[in-house]
N, C-alpha and C. Protein backbone atom coordinates (compact mmCIF):
# COMPACT_ATOMS: atom_id res chain seq x y z
N MET A 1 0.82 -1.22 0.04
CA MET A 1 -0.11 -0.11 0.03
C MET A 1 1.07 1.23 0.23
N LYS A 2 0.50 2.22 -0.85
CA LYS A 2 1.43 3.46 -1.17
C LYS A 2 0.93 4.46 0.15
N THR A 3 2.01 4.94 0.75
CA THR A 3 1.89 5.91 1.36
C THR A 3 1.00 7.46 0.95
N ALA A 4 0.65 8.13 1.59
CA ALA A 4 0.18 9.44 1.38
C ALA A 4 1.35 10.33 0.87
N GLU A 5 2.24 10.27 1.51
CA GLU A 5 3.56 11.24 1.29
C GLU A 5 3.87 10.62 0.02
N ALA A 6 4.05 9.51 -0.44
CA ALA A 6 4.67 8.90 -1.78
C ALA A 6 3.53 9.37 -2.57
N GLU A 7 2.39 9.14 -2.57
CA GLU A 7 1.57 9.68 -3.43
C GLU A 7 1.70 11.26 -3.85
N ALA A 8 2.05 11.94 -2.55
CA ALA A 8 1.92 13.45 -3.02
C ALA A 8 3.26 13.99 -3.51
N ARG A 9 4.25 13.08 -3.53
CA ARG A 9 5.82 13.40 -4.18
C ARG A 9 5.38 13.08 -5.43
N LYS A 10 4.65 12.00 -5.82
CA LYS A 10 4.60 11.51 -7.14
C LYS A 10 3.62 12.62 -8.01
N ALA A 11 2.61 13.00 -7.21
CA ALA A 11 1.80 14.05 -7.76
C ALA A 11 2.32 15.45 -7.99
N LEU A 12 3.34 15.75 -7.18
CA LEU A 12 4.15 17.01 -7.18
C LEU A 12 5.06 16.88 -8.42
N ASN A 13 5.82 15.82 -8.58
CA ASN A 13 6.54 15.32 -9.57
C ASN A 13 5.93 15.71 -10.75
N ARG A 14 4.71 15.07 -10.95
CA ARG A 14 3.94 15.27 -12.04
C ARG A 14 3.48 16.69 -12.72
N LEU A 15 2.91 17.56 -11.71
CA LEU A 15 2.76 18.73 -11.72
C LEU A 15 4.12 19.64 -12.34
N ARG A 16 5.05 19.39 -11.56
CA ARG A 16 6.29 20.06 -11.93
C ARG A 16 6.55 19.66 -13.50
N ARG A 17 6.66 18.52 -13.70
CA ARG A 17 6.84 18.18 -15.18
C ARG A 17 5.90 18.89 -16.32
N ALA A 18 4.55 19.06 -15.60
CA ALA A 18 3.36 19.38 -16.62
C ALA A 18 3.91 21.24 -16.72
N ILE A 19 4.26 21.70 -15.68
CA ILE A 19 4.66 23.20 -15.61
C ILE A 19 6.09 23.31 -16.74
N GLU A 20 6.85 22.35 -16.36
CA GLU A 20 8.04 22.76 -17.43
C GLU A 20 7.60 22.36 -18.99
N LYS A 21 6.63 21.45 -19.04
CA LYS A 21 6.27 21.26 -20.55
C LYS A 21 5.49 22.41 -21.14
N ALA A 22 4.56 23.27 -20.04
CA ALA A 22 3.96 24.40 -20.23
C ALA A 22 4.73 25.47 -20.78
N GLU A 23 6.07 25.75 -20.02
CA GLU A 23 6.71 26.57 -20.27
C GLU A 23 7.56 26.62 -21.70
N ALA A 24 7.71 25.25 -21.85
CA ALA A 24 8.27 24.95 -23.11
C ALA A 24 7.50 25.43 -24.48
N GLU A 25 6.29 24.87 -24.22
CA GLU A 25 5.22 25.35 -25.29
C GLU A 25 4.93 26.70 -25.58
N LEU A 26 4.92 27.30 -24.38
CA LEU A 26 4.72 28.84 -24.50
C LEU A 26 5.77 29.32 -24.99
N ARG A 27 7.15 28.98 -24.72
CA ARG A 27 8.10 29.61 -25.63
C ARG A 27 8.24 29.16 -27.11
N SER A 28 8.09 28.12 -27.09
CA SER A 28 7.88 27.76 -28.47
C SER A 28 6.82 28.50 -29.54
N LEU A 29 5.59 28.55 -28.79
CA LEU A 29 4.44 29.34 -29.41
C LEU A 29 4.96 30.85 -29.47
N GLU A 30 5.46 31.64 -28.46
CA GLU A 30 6.12 32.84 -28.66
C GLU A 30 6.78 32.86 -29.79
N GLY A 31 7.76 31.90 -29.95
CA GLY A 31 8.92 32.34 -30.94
C GLY A 31 8.03 31.92 -32.30
N ALA A 32 7.38 31.27 -32.67
CA ALA A 32 6.90 31.21 -34.05
C ALA A 32 5.79 32.39 -34.20
N LEU A 33 5.04 32.56 -32.96
CA LEU A 33 4.21 34.02 -33.37
C LEU A 33 5.06 35.11 -33.47
N ARG A 34 6.06 35.39 -32.73
CA ARG A 34 6.52 36.59 -32.86
C ARG A 34 7.38 36.86 -34.03
N HIS A 35 7.67 35.65 -34.61
CA HIS A 35 8.43 35.69 -36.13
C HIS A 35 7.33 35.94 -37.13
N ALA A 36 6.24 35.60 -37.05
CA ALA A 36 5.10 35.56 -37.93
C ALA A 36 4.33 37.04 -37.84
N GLU A 37 4.05 37.37 -36.61
CA GLU A 37 3.23 38.77 -36.36
C GLU A 37 4.22 39.88 -36.29
N GLU A 38 5.50 39.91 -36.12
CA GLU A 38 6.42 40.81 -35.91
C GLU A 38 5.69 41.78 -34.91
N THR A 39 5.80 43.11 -35.68
CA THR A 39 5.19 44.15 -34.50
C THR A 39 3.72 44.10 -34.16
N ASP A 40 2.93 43.24 -34.38
CA ASP A 40 1.76 42.81 -33.94
C ASP A 40 1.53 41.84 -33.04
N PHE A 41 2.72 41.34 -32.62
CA PHE A 41 2.73 40.51 -31.49
C PHE A 41 2.32 40.99 -29.97
N PRO A 42 1.61 40.29 -29.37
CA PRO A 42 1.05 40.88 -27.94
C PRO A 42 2.25 40.27 -26.86
N VAL A 43 3.30 41.26 -26.90
CA VAL A 43 4.41 40.95 -25.89
C VAL A 43 3.82 40.87 -24.21
N GLU A 44 2.94 42.06 -24.09
CA GLU A 44 2.67 42.03 -22.63
C GLU A 44 1.91 40.51 -22.47
N SER A 45 0.68 40.04 -23.02
CA SER A 45 0.07 38.86 -22.80
C SER A 45 1.04 37.66 -22.58
N TYR A 46 2.19 37.54 -23.47
CA TYR A 46 3.01 36.23 -23.32
C TYR A 46 3.89 36.44 -21.85
N GLU A 47 4.31 37.77 -21.62
CA GLU A 47 4.98 37.96 -20.38
C GLU A 47 4.04 37.63 -19.03
N ALA A 48 2.69 38.07 -19.30
CA ALA A 48 1.71 37.47 -18.26
C ALA A 48 1.54 36.25 -18.07
N ALA A 49 1.49 35.52 -19.21
CA ALA A 49 1.36 34.24 -18.97
C ALA A 49 2.53 33.36 -18.66
N ALA A 50 3.73 34.02 -18.86
CA ALA A 50 4.75 33.08 -18.49
C ALA A 50 5.09 33.61 -16.72
N ALA A 51 4.67 34.95 -16.47
CA ALA A 51 4.53 34.97 -14.87
C ALA A 51 3.67 34.15 -14.33
N SER A 52 2.40 33.84 -14.77
CA SER A 52 1.48 33.08 -14.29
C SER A 52 2.02 31.62 -14.10
N LEU A 53 2.93 31.06 -14.91
CA LEU A 53 3.53 29.83 -14.87
C LEU A 53 4.65 29.99 -13.49
N ARG A 54 5.20 31.06 -13.79
CA ARG A 54 6.25 31.20 -12.43
C ARG A 54 5.67 30.97 -11.01
N VAL A 55 4.18 31.54 -11.03
CA VAL A 55 3.43 31.32 -9.88
C VAL A 55 3.20 30.28 -9.52
N VAL A 56 2.97 29.40 -10.39
CA VAL A 56 2.81 27.92 -10.30
C VAL A 56 3.94 27.15 -10.02
N VAL A 57 4.94 27.66 -10.60
CA VAL A 57 6.35 26.73 -10.16
C VAL A 57 6.47 27.14 -8.78
N ASN A 58 6.46 28.23 -8.37
CA ASN A 58 6.53 28.59 -6.74
C ASN A 58 5.91 28.23 -5.77
N PHE A 59 4.49 27.83 -6.21
CA PHE A 59 3.67 27.15 -5.45
C PHE A 59 4.08 25.57 -5.26
N ALA A 60 4.34 25.08 -6.31
CA ALA A 60 4.85 23.56 -6.37
C ALA A 60 6.02 23.64 -5.79
N ASP A 61 7.17 24.45 -5.74
CA ASP A 61 8.23 24.44 -5.02
C ASP A 61 8.10 24.89 -3.45
N GLU A 62 7.10 25.46 -3.06
CA GLU A 62 6.85 25.67 -1.72
C GLU A 62 5.74 24.41 -1.02
N GLU A 63 5.03 23.83 -1.88
CA GLU A 63 4.61 22.51 -1.49
C GLU A 63 5.58 21.44 -1.18
N GLY A 64 6.57 21.28 -2.11
CA GLY A 64 7.59 20.30 -1.97
C GLY A 64 8.38 20.51 -0.82
N GLU A 65 8.66 21.65 -0.49
CA GLU A 65 9.20 22.01 0.74
C GLU A 65 8.52 21.75 1.97
N ARG A 66 7.16 21.97 2.01
CA ARG A 66 6.30 21.82 3.26
C ARG A 66 6.14 20.19 2.99
N LEU A 67 6.08 19.48 2.25
CA LEU A 67 6.09 18.06 2.09
C LEU A 67 7.26 17.36 2.83
N ARG A 68 8.47 17.99 2.47
CA ARG A 68 9.87 17.65 3.14
C ARG A 68 9.78 17.48 4.36
N GLU A 69 9.32 18.70 4.97
CA GLU A 69 9.47 19.28 6.20
C GLU A 69 8.49 18.28 7.12
N LYS A 70 7.46 18.07 6.35
CA LYS A 70 6.51 17.17 7.43
C LYS A 70 7.06 15.68 7.55
N VAL A 71 7.73 15.18 6.07
CA VAL A 71 8.19 13.94 6.25
C VAL A 71 9.17 13.83 7.36
N LEU A 72 10.03 14.79 7.33
CA LEU A 72 11.54 14.89 8.13
C LEU A 72 10.74 14.89 9.63
N TYR A 73 9.84 15.73 9.91
CA TYR A 73 9.19 15.90 11.22
C TYR A 73 8.47 14.59 11.78
N ALA A 74 7.80 14.11 10.82
CA ALA A 74 7.38 12.40 11.27
C ALA A 74 8.35 11.55 11.37
N GLY A 75 9.53 11.49 10.90
CA GLY A 75 10.51 10.58 11.06
C GLY A 75 11.23 10.97 12.41
N GLY A 76 10.94 12.16 13.20
CA GLY A 76 11.59 12.46 14.25
C GLY A 76 12.71 13.22 14.03
N LEU A 77 13.09 14.08 12.74
CA LEU A 77 14.09 15.07 12.51
C LEU A 77 13.67 16.07 12.48
N GLU A 78 14.35 17.29 12.89
CA GLU A 78 14.07 18.77 12.71
C GLU A 78 14.46 19.02 11.35
N PRO A 79 13.67 19.76 10.58
CA PRO A 79 13.88 20.03 9.07
C PRO A 79 15.04 20.97 9.40
N GLY A 80 15.18 21.96 10.27
CA GLY A 80 15.97 23.27 9.98
C GLY A 80 17.42 22.64 10.22
N ARG A 81 17.62 21.20 10.84
CA ARG A 81 18.77 20.81 11.30
C ARG A 81 19.51 19.65 10.29
N VAL A 82 18.67 19.46 9.42
CA VAL A 82 19.10 18.58 8.27
C VAL A 82 19.88 19.39 7.29
N ARG A 83 21.18 19.21 6.81
CA ARG A 83 21.56 19.84 5.64
C ARG A 83 20.97 19.46 4.21
N ARG A 84 20.83 20.47 3.48
CA ARG A 84 20.35 20.55 2.16
C ARG A 84 20.90 19.18 1.44
N SER A 85 21.85 18.77 1.58
CA SER A 85 22.30 17.83 0.70
C SER A 85 22.16 16.50 1.39
N GLN A 86 21.34 16.42 2.39
CA GLN A 86 21.11 15.26 2.74
C GLN A 86 19.48 15.07 2.40
N CYS A 87 18.87 16.14 2.08
CA CYS A 87 17.48 16.18 1.72
C CYS A 87 17.27 15.49 0.49
N THR A 88 18.19 15.37 -0.54
CA THR A 88 17.95 15.05 -2.02
C THR A 88 17.96 13.51 -2.07
């Protein structure tokens, strides 16, 4: 039986990959349309979309950190006392 923490880690990793793919697709679309539309390209709209994706990236990072801290605490360790290299 899988633990809730393992399921959460898997879901978080899937979300992270989806965000990375969305960022790559947005860059690809931007490159194609910027070339085709030249001066009519809506730069501000693409910057806003990229900023929105960064918000989701930050959310995923924060949730990952929160999950790591919970797992460490549940294991009897203080999250602040474990070096970063030991967390990976």
